[in-house]
């Protein structure tokens, strides 16, 4: 994944993720100047739980939108891209 952020912002984000046990820092075997963030088992569990929640919300929302409303919503969302 490519992100557009200043390095200090990424460092702070990784610091927080590491403090929460969601990632750990490891040395890059190909570049000794670099450090990589690796997702931990807990991080993978939390990600999967988040995906399930998003899917649940999407399914519930889809139940409330009729065919005509869905078409209108799709047009509006497509225009926002």
PDB file of N, CA and C in Angstrom:
ATOM      1  N   UNK A   1       0.850  -1.166   0.000  1.00  0.00           N
ATOM      2  CA  UNK A   1       0.000   0.000   0.000  1.00  0.00           C
ATOM      3  C   UNK A   1       0.900   1.235   0.000  1.00  0.00           C
ATOM      4  N   UNK A   2       0.521   2.228  -0.776  1.00  0.00           N
ATOM      5  CA  UNK A   2       1.275   3.472  -0.843  1.00  0.00           C
ATOM      6  C   UNK A   2       0.472   4.563  -0.152  1.00  0.00           C
ATOM      7  N   UNK A   3       1.151   5.315   0.713  1.00  0.00           N
ATOM      8  CA  UNK A   3       0.487   6.392   1.435  1.00  0.00           C
ATOM      9  C   UNK A   3       1.230   7.693   1.188  1.00  0.00           C
ATOM     10  N   UNK A   4       0.483   8.772   1.230  1.00  0.00           N
ATOM     11  CA  UNK A   4       1.093  10.080   1.089  1.00  0.00           C
ATOM     12  C   UNK A   4       1.001  10.781   2.440  1.00  0.00           C
ATOM     13  N   UNK A   5       2.050  10.657   3.221  1.00  0.00           N
ATOM     14  CA  UNK A   5       2.122  11.271   4.554  1.00  0.00           C
ATOM     15  C   UNK A   5       3.569  11.650   4.827  1.00  0.00           C
ATOM     16  N   UNK A   6       3.746  12.561   5.734  1.00  0.00           N
ATOM     17  CA  UNK A   6       5.096  12.886   6.161  1.00  0.00           C
ATOM     18  C   UNK A   6       5.609  11.760   7.052  1.00  0.00           C
ATOM     19  N   UNK A   7       6.895  11.546   7.061  1.00  0.00           N
ATOM     20  CA  UNK A   7       7.478  10.424   7.810  1.00  0.00           C
ATOM     21  C   UNK A   7       7.131  10.462   9.295  1.00  0.00           C
ATOM     22  N   UNK A   8       7.136  11.652   9.887  1.00  0.00           N
ATOM     23  CA  UNK A   8       6.859  11.730  11.327  1.00  0.00           C
ATOM     24  C   UNK A   8       5.443  11.262  11.635  1.00  0.00           C
ATOM     25  N   UNK A   9       4.513  11.515  10.711  1.00  0.00           N
ATOM     26  CA  UNK A   9       3.146  11.063  10.908  1.00  0.00           C
ATOM     27  C   UNK A   9       3.087   9.538  10.889  1.00  0.00           C
ATOM     28  N   UNK A  10       3.762   8.921   9.937  1.00  0.00           N
ATOM     29  CA  UNK A  10       3.798   7.463   9.850  1.00  0.00           C
ATOM     30  C   UNK A  10       4.451   6.884  11.103  1.00  0.00           C
ATOM     31  N   UNK A  11       5.530   7.493  11.547  1.00  0.00           N
ATOM     32  CA  UNK A  11       6.209   7.020  12.757  1.00  0.00           C
ATOM     33  C   UNK A  11       5.270   7.040  13.946  1.00  0.00           C
ATOM     34  N   UNK A  12       4.514   8.117  14.098  1.00  0.00           N
ATOM     35  CA  UNK A  12       3.562   8.208  15.210  1.00  0.00           C
ATOM     36  C   UNK A  12       2.468   7.160  15.096  1.00  0.00           C
ATOM     37  N   UNK A  13       1.972   6.931  13.878  1.00  0.00           N
ATOM     38  CA  UNK A  13       0.942   5.912  13.678  1.00  0.00           C
ATOM     39  C   UNK A  13       1.469   4.525  14.028  1.00  0.00           C
ATOM     40  N   UNK A  14       2.671   4.202  13.548  1.00  0.00           N
ATOM     41  CA  UNK A  14       3.252   2.895  13.842  1.00  0.00           C
ATOM     42  C   UNK A  14       3.553   2.772  15.332  1.00  0.00           C
ATOM     43  N   UNK A  15       3.993   3.853  15.973  1.00  0.00           N
ATOM     44  CA  UNK A  15       4.214   3.832  17.427  1.00  0.00           C
ATOM     45  C   UNK A  15       2.939   3.412  18.150  1.00  0.00           C
ATOM     46  N   UNK A  16       1.809   4.009  17.755  1.00  0.00           N
ATOM     47  CA  UNK A  16       0.530   3.683  18.405  1.00  0.00           C
ATOM     48  C   UNK A  16       0.100   2.254  18.125  1.00  0.00           C
ATOM     49  N   UNK A  17       0.244   1.830  16.869  1.00  0.00           N
ATOM     50  CA  UNK A  17      -0.115   0.454  16.523  1.00  0.00           C
ATOM     51  C   UNK A  17       0.755  -0.548  17.275  1.00  0.00           C
ATOM     52  N   UNK A  18       2.027  -0.227  17.410  1.00  0.00           N
ATOM     53  CA  UNK A  18       2.947  -1.105  18.140  1.00  0.00           C
ATOM     54  C   UNK A  18       2.599  -1.139  19.626  1.00  0.00           C
ATOM     55  N   UNK A  19       2.278   0.012  20.190  1.00  0.00           N
ATOM     56  CA  UNK A  19       1.898   0.074  21.612  1.00  0.00           C
ATOM     57  C   UNK A  19       0.638  -0.748  21.884  1.00  0.00           C
ATOM     58  N   UNK A  20      -0.251  -0.810  20.895  1.00  0.00           N
ATOM     59  CA  UNK A  20      -1.486  -1.590  21.033  1.00  0.00           C
ATOM     60  C   UNK A  20      -1.288  -3.056  20.686  1.00  0.00           C
ATOM     61  N   UNK A  21      -0.076  -3.428  20.276  1.00  0.00           N
ATOM     62  CA  UNK A  21       0.215  -4.819  19.956  1.00  0.00           C
ATOM     63  C   UNK A  21      -0.291  -5.260  18.594  1.00  0.00           C
ATOM     64  N   UNK A  22      -0.582  -4.302  17.718  1.00  0.00           N
ATOM     65  CA  UNK A  22      -1.144  -4.635  16.406  1.00  0.00           C
ATOM     66  C   UNK A  22      -0.077  -4.817  15.334  1.00  0.00           C
ATOM     67  N   UNK A  23       1.092  -4.219  15.524  1.00  0.00           N
ATOM     68  CA  UNK A  23       2.230  -4.407  14.617  1.00  0.00           C
ATOM     69  C   UNK A  23       3.492  -4.520  15.463  1.00  0.00           C
ATOM     70  N   UNK A  24       4.537  -5.040  14.821  1.00  0.00           N
ATOM     71  CA  UNK A  24       5.859  -5.022  15.456  1.00  0.00           C
ATOM     72  C   UNK A  24       6.865  -4.594  14.411  1.00  0.00           C
ATOM     73  N   UNK A  25       7.890  -3.939  14.861  1.00  0.00           N
ATOM     74  CA  UNK A  25       8.933  -3.475  13.941  1.00  0.00           C
ATOM     75  C   UNK A  25       9.970  -4.583  13.760  1.00  0.00           C
ATOM     76  N   UNK A  26      10.417  -4.751  12.518  1.00  0.00           N
ATOM     77  CA  UNK A  26      11.463  -5.728  12.209  1.00  0.00           C
ATOM     78  C   UNK A  26      12.458  -5.084  11.263  1.00  0.00           C
ATOM     79  N   UNK A  27      13.690  -5.576  11.318  1.00  0.00           N
ATOM     80  CA  UNK A  27      14.711  -5.075  10.405  1.00  0.00           C
ATOM     81  C   UNK A  27      14.408  -5.561   8.999  1.00  0.00           C
ATOM     82  N   UNK A  28      14.732  -4.731   8.013  1.00  0.00           N
ATOM     83  CA  UNK A  28      14.583  -5.111   6.617  1.00  0.00           C
ATOM     84  C   UNK A  28      15.817  -5.924   6.236  1.00  0.00           C
ATOM     85  N   UNK A  29      15.641  -7.181   5.817  1.00  0.00           N
ATOM     86  CA  UNK A  29      16.812  -8.012   5.495  1.00  0.00           C
ATOM     87  C   UNK A  29      17.598  -7.523   4.279  1.00  0.00           C
ATOM     88  N   UNK A  30      16.992  -6.684   3.454  1.00  0.00           N
ATOM     89  CA  UNK A  30      17.663  -6.209   2.246  1.00  0.00           C
ATOM     90  C   UNK A  30      18.236  -4.797   2.376  1.00  0.00           C
ATOM     91  N   UNK A  31      17.840  -4.090   3.440  1.00  0.00           N
ATOM     92  CA  UNK A  31      18.307  -2.714   3.608  1.00  0.00           C
ATOM     93  C   UNK A  31      18.437  -2.440   5.105  1.00  0.00           C
ATOM     94  N   UNK A  32      19.658  -2.443   5.610  1.00  0.00           N
ATOM     95  CA  UNK A  32      19.851  -2.303   7.057  1.00  0.00           C
ATOM     96  C   UNK A  32      19.459  -0.926   7.594  1.00  0.00           C
ATOM     97  N   UNK A  33      19.227   0.028   6.700  1.00  0.00           N
ATOM     98  CA  UNK A  33      18.766   1.352   7.144  1.00  0.00           C
ATOM     99  C   UNK A  33      17.262   1.381   7.386  1.00  0.00           C
ATOM    100  N   UNK A  34      16.565   0.400   6.841  1.00  0.00           N
ATOM    101  CA  UNK A  34      15.095   0.407   6.873  1.00  0.00           C
ATOM    102  C   UNK A  34      14.554  -0.465   8.004  1.00  0.00           C
ATOM    103  N   UNK A  35      13.367  -0.102   8.431  1.00  0.00           N
ATOM    104  CA  UNK A  35      12.627  -0.887   9.416  1.00  0.00           C
ATOM    105  C   UNK A  35      11.237  -1.096   8.842  1.00  0.00           C
ATOM    106  N   UNK A  36      10.737  -2.300   8.980  1.00  0.00           N
ATOM    107  CA  UNK A  36       9.400  -2.621   8.474  1.00  0.00           C
ATOM    108  C   UNK A  36       8.448  -2.834   9.637  1.00  0.00           C
ATOM    109  N   UNK A  37       7.173  -2.602   9.378  1.00  0.00           N
ATOM    110  CA  UNK A  37       6.124  -2.899  10.358  1.00  0.00           C
ATOM    111  C   UNK A  37       5.404  -4.152   9.882  1.00  0.00           C
ATOM    112  N   UNK A  38       5.336  -5.149  10.744  1.00  0.00           N
ATOM    113  CA  UNK A  38       4.691  -6.417  10.416  1.00  0.00           C
ATOM    114  C   UNK A  38       3.442  -6.540  11.286  1.00  0.00           C
ATOM    115  N   UNK A  39       2.334  -6.907  10.668  1.00  0.00           N
ATOM    116  CA  UNK A  39       1.079  -7.055  11.404  1.00  0.00           C
ATOM    117  C   UNK A  39       1.181  -8.301  12.284  1.00  0.00           C
ATOM    118  N   UNK A  40       0.793  -8.150  13.553  1.00  0.00           N
ATOM    119  CA  UNK A  40       0.822  -9.266  14.501  1.00  0.00           C
ATOM    120  C   UNK A  40      -0.450 -10.098  14.378  1.00  0.00           C
ATOM    121  N   UNK A  41      -0.472 -11.213  15.082  1.00  0.00           N
ATOM    122  CA  UNK A  41      -1.677 -12.053  15.097  1.00  0.00           C
ATOM    123  C   UNK A  41      -2.864 -11.250  15.623  1.00  0.00           C
ATOM    124  N   UNK A  42      -2.640 -10.464  16.680  1.00  0.00           N
ATOM    125  CA  UNK A  42      -3.716  -9.625  17.218  1.00  0.00           C
ATOM    126  C   UNK A  42      -4.175  -8.611  16.173  1.00  0.00           C
ATOM    127  N   UNK A  43      -3.230  -8.026  15.457  1.00  0.00           N
ATOM    128  CA  UNK A  43      -3.575  -7.075  14.400  1.00  0.00           C
ATOM    129  C   UNK A  43      -4.426  -7.719  13.321  1.00  0.00           C
ATOM    130  N   UNK A  44      -4.094  -8.947  12.953  1.00  0.00           N
ATOM    131  CA  UNK A  44      -4.873  -9.673  11.949  1.00  0.00           C
ATOM    132  C   UNK A  44      -6.274  -9.984  12.472  1.00  0.00           C
ATOM    133  N   UNK A  45      -6.363 -10.352  13.751  1.00  0.00           N
ATOM    134  CA  UNK A  45      -7.673 -10.623  14.353  1.00  0.00           C
ATOM    135  C   UNK A  45      -8.540  -9.368  14.356  1.00  0.00           C
ATOM    136  N   UNK A  46      -7.943  -8.246  14.765  1.00  0.00           N
ATOM    137  CA  UNK A  46      -8.698  -6.987  14.807  1.00  0.00           C
ATOM    138  C   UNK A  46      -9.131  -6.555  13.415  1.00  0.00           C
ATOM    139  N   UNK A  47      -8.264  -6.735  12.428  1.00  0.00           N
ATOM    140  CA  UNK A  47      -8.607  -6.391  11.053  1.00  0.00           C
ATOM    141  C   UNK A  47      -9.790  -7.235  10.584  1.00  0.00           C
ATOM    142  N   UNK A  48      -9.732  -8.540  10.832  1.00  0.00           N
ATOM    143  CA  UNK A  48     -10.817  -9.433  10.420  1.00  0.00           C
ATOM    144  C   UNK A  48     -12.124  -9.047  11.108  1.00  0.00           C
ATOM    145  N   UNK A  49     -12.053  -8.679  12.380  1.00  0.00           N
ATOM    146  CA  UNK A  49     -13.248  -8.256  13.113  1.00  0.00           C
ATOM    147  C   UNK A  49     -13.813  -6.969  12.508  1.00  0.00           C
ATOM    148  N   UNK A  50     -12.940  -6.070  12.126  1.00  0.00           N
ATOM    149  CA  UNK A  50     -13.379  -4.827  11.496  1.00  0.00           C
ATOM    150  C   UNK A  50     -14.041  -5.078  10.156  1.00  0.00           C
ATOM    151  N   UNK A  51     -13.465  -5.982   9.381  1.00  0.00           N
ATOM    152  CA  UNK A  51     -14.052  -6.331   8.078  1.00  0.00           C
ATOM    153  C   UNK A  51     -15.450  -6.906   8.284  1.00  0.00           C
ATOM    154  N   UNK A  52     -15.602  -7.792   9.273  1.00  0.00           N
ATOM    155  CA  UNK A  52     -16.921  -8.382   9.542  1.00  0.00           C
ATOM    156  C   UNK A  52     -17.934  -7.308   9.929  1.00  0.00           C
ATOM    157  N   UNK A  53     -17.515  -6.333  10.720  1.00  0.00           N
ATOM    158  CA  UNK A  53     -18.426  -5.254  11.126  1.00  0.00           C
ATOM    159  C   UNK A  53     -18.849  -4.412   9.929  1.00  0.00           C
ATOM    160  N   UNK A  54     -17.902  -4.085   9.072  1.00  0.00           N
ATOM    161  CA  UNK A  54     -18.223  -3.294   7.877  1.00  0.00           C
ATOM    162  C   UNK A  54     -19.203  -4.062   6.998  1.00  0.00           C
ATOM    163  N   UNK A  55     -18.948  -5.355   6.798  1.00  0.00           N
ATOM    164  CA  UNK A  55     -19.846  -6.176   5.980  1.00  0.00           C
ATOM    165  C   UNK A  55     -21.252  -6.234   6.594  1.00  0.00           C
ATOM    166  N   UNK A  56     -21.315  -6.322   7.902  1.00  0.00           N
ATOM    167  CA  UNK A  56     -22.610  -6.358   8.599  1.00  0.00           C
ATOM    168  C   UNK A  56     -23.377  -5.057   8.370  1.00  0.00           C
ATOM    169  N   UNK A  57     -22.703  -3.934   8.518  1.00  0.00           N
ATOM    170  CA  UNK A  57     -23.340  -2.630   8.311  1.00  0.00           C
ATOM    171  C   UNK A  57     -23.785  -2.487   6.860  1.00  0.00           C
ATOM    172  N   UNK A  58     -22.930  -2.912   5.925  1.00  0.00           N
ATOM    173  CA  UNK A  58     -23.293  -2.832   4.513  1.00  0.00           C
ATOM    174  C   UNK A  58     -24.524  -3.682   4.212  1.00  0.00           C
ATOM    175  N   UNK A  59     -24.595  -4.878   4.781  1.00  0.00           N
ATOM    176  CA  UNK A  59     -25.741  -5.757   4.547  1.00  0.00           C
ATOM    177  C   UNK A  59     -27.012  -5.148   5.118  1.00  0.00           C
ATOM    178  N   UNK A  60     -26.927  -4.598   6.310  1.00  0.00           N
ATOM    179  CA  UNK A  60     -28.095  -3.963   6.929  1.00  0.00           C
ATOM    180  C   UNK A  60     -28.550  -2.755   6.115  1.00  0.00           C
ATOM    181  N   UNK A  61     -27.592  -1.975   5.639  1.00  0.00           N
ATOM    182  CA  UNK A  61     -27.930  -0.806   4.837  1.00  0.00           C
ATOM    183  C   UNK A  61     -28.596  -1.234   3.534  1.00  0.00           C
ATOM    184  N   UNK A  62     -28.060  -2.280   2.903  1.00  0.00           N
ATOM    185  CA  UNK A  62     -28.606  -2.753   1.632  1.00  0.00           C
ATOM    186  C   UNK A  62     -30.056  -3.194   1.787  1.00  0.00           C
ATOM    187  N   UNK A  63     -30.412  -3.724   2.948  1.00  0.00           N
ATOM    188  CA  UNK A  63     -31.794  -4.155   3.192  1.00  0.00           C
ATOM    189  C   UNK A  63     -32.763  -2.971   3.195  1.00  0.00           C
ATOM    190  N   UNK A  64     -32.271  -1.790   3.546  1.00  0.00           N
ATOM    191  CA  UNK A  64     -33.143  -0.627   3.685  1.00  0.00           C
ATOM    192  C   UNK A  64     -33.309   0.170   2.400  1.00  0.00           C
ATOM    193  N   UNK A  65     -32.534  -0.161   1.382  1.00  0.00           N
ATOM    194  CA  UNK A  65     -32.551   0.612   0.144  1.00  0.00           C
ATOM    195  C   UNK A  65     -33.303  -0.178  -0.933  1.00  0.00           C
ATOM    196  N   UNK A  66     -34.361   0.419  -1.452  1.00  0.00           N
ATOM    197  CA  UNK A  66     -35.129  -0.241  -2.515  1.00  0.00           C
ATOM    198  C   UNK A  66     -34.382  -0.153  -3.836  1.00  0.00           C
ATOM    199  N   UNK A  67     -34.864  -0.866  -4.855  1.00  0.00           N
ATOM    200  CA  UNK A  67     -34.229  -0.872  -6.172  1.00  0.00           C
ATOM    201  C   UNK A  67     -34.073   0.510  -6.767  1.00  0.00           C
ATOM    202  N   UNK A  68     -35.141   1.324  -6.721  1.00  0.00           N
ATOM    203  CA  UNK A  68     -35.092   2.680  -7.273  1.00  0.00           C
ATOM    204  C   UNK A  68     -34.126   3.543  -6.475  1.00  0.00           C
ATOM    205  N   UNK A  69     -34.221   3.448  -5.163  1.00  0.00           N
ATOM    206  CA  UNK A  69     -33.321   4.216  -4.308  1.00  0.00           C
ATOM    207  C   UNK A  69     -31.875   3.786  -4.512  1.00  0.00           C
ATOM    208  N   UNK A  70     -31.668   2.498  -4.712  1.00  0.00           N
ATOM    209  CA  UNK A  70     -30.316   1.971  -4.900  1.00  0.00           C
ATOM    210  C   UNK A  70     -29.692   2.557  -6.164  1.00  0.00           C
ATOM    211  N   UNK A  71     -30.465   2.632  -7.237  1.00  0.00           N
ATOM    212  CA  UNK A  71     -29.950   3.203  -8.488  1.00  0.00           C
ATOM    213  C   UNK A  71     -29.568   4.666  -8.297  1.00  0.00           C
ATOM    214  N   UNK A  72     -30.419   5.402  -7.618  1.00  0.00           N
ATOM    215  CA  UNK A  72     -30.135   6.816  -7.365  1.00  0.00           C
ATOM    216  C   UNK A  72     -28.890   6.959  -6.493  1.00  0.00           C
ATOM    217  N   UNK A  73     -28.793   6.118  -5.479  1.00  0.00           N
ATOM    218  CA  UNK A  73     -27.634   6.170  -4.586  1.00  0.00           C
ATOM    219  C   UNK A  73     -26.357   5.834  -5.353  1.00  0.00           C
ATOM    220  N   UNK A  74     -26.409   4.827  -6.207  1.00  0.00           N
ATOM    221  CA  UNK A  74     -25.232   4.461  -7.003  1.00  0.00           C
ATOM    222  C   UNK A  74     -24.798   5.605  -7.907  1.00  0.00           C
ATOM    223  N   UNK A  75     -25.758   6.322  -8.497  1.00  0.00           N
ATOM    224  CA  UNK A  75     -25.409   7.474  -9.357  1.00  0.00           C
ATOM    225  C   UNK A  75     -24.741   8.574  -8.533  1.00  0.00           C
ATOM    226  N   UNK A  76     -25.278   8.849  -7.380  1.00  0.00           N
ATOM    227  CA  UNK A  76     -24.714   9.903  -6.524  1.00  0.00           C
ATOM    228  C   UNK A  76     -23.306   9.518  -6.086  1.00  0.00           C
ATOM    229  N   UNK A  77     -23.133   8.280  -5.640  1.00  0.00           N
ATOM    230  CA  UNK A  77     -21.815   7.849  -5.176  1.00  0.00           C
ATOM    231  C   UNK A  77     -20.804   7.821  -6.315  1.00  0.00           C
ATOM    232  N   UNK A  78     -21.235   7.433  -7.497  1.00  0.00           N
ATOM    233  CA  UNK A  78     -20.332   7.434  -8.655  1.00  0.00           C
ATOM    234  C   UNK A  78     -19.893   8.861  -8.998  1.00  0.00           C
ATOM    235  N   UNK A  79     -20.767   9.819  -8.832  1.00  0.00           N
ATOM    236  CA  UNK A  79     -20.429  11.208  -9.128  1.00  0.00           C
ATOM    237  C   UNK A  79     -19.414  11.756  -8.151  1.00  0.00           C
ATOM    238  N   UNK A  80     -19.328  11.188  -6.964  1.00  0.00           N
ATOM    239  CA  UNK A  80     -18.393  11.673  -5.945  1.00  0.00           C
ATOM    240  C   UNK A  80     -16.965  11.190  -6.157  1.00  0.00           C
ATOM    241  N   UNK A  81     -16.763  10.217  -7.012  1.00  0.00           N
ATOM    242  CA  UNK A  81     -15.412   9.683  -7.226  1.00  0.00           C
ATOM    243  C   UNK A  81     -14.498  10.650  -7.819  1.00  0.00           C
TER     244      UNK A  81
END
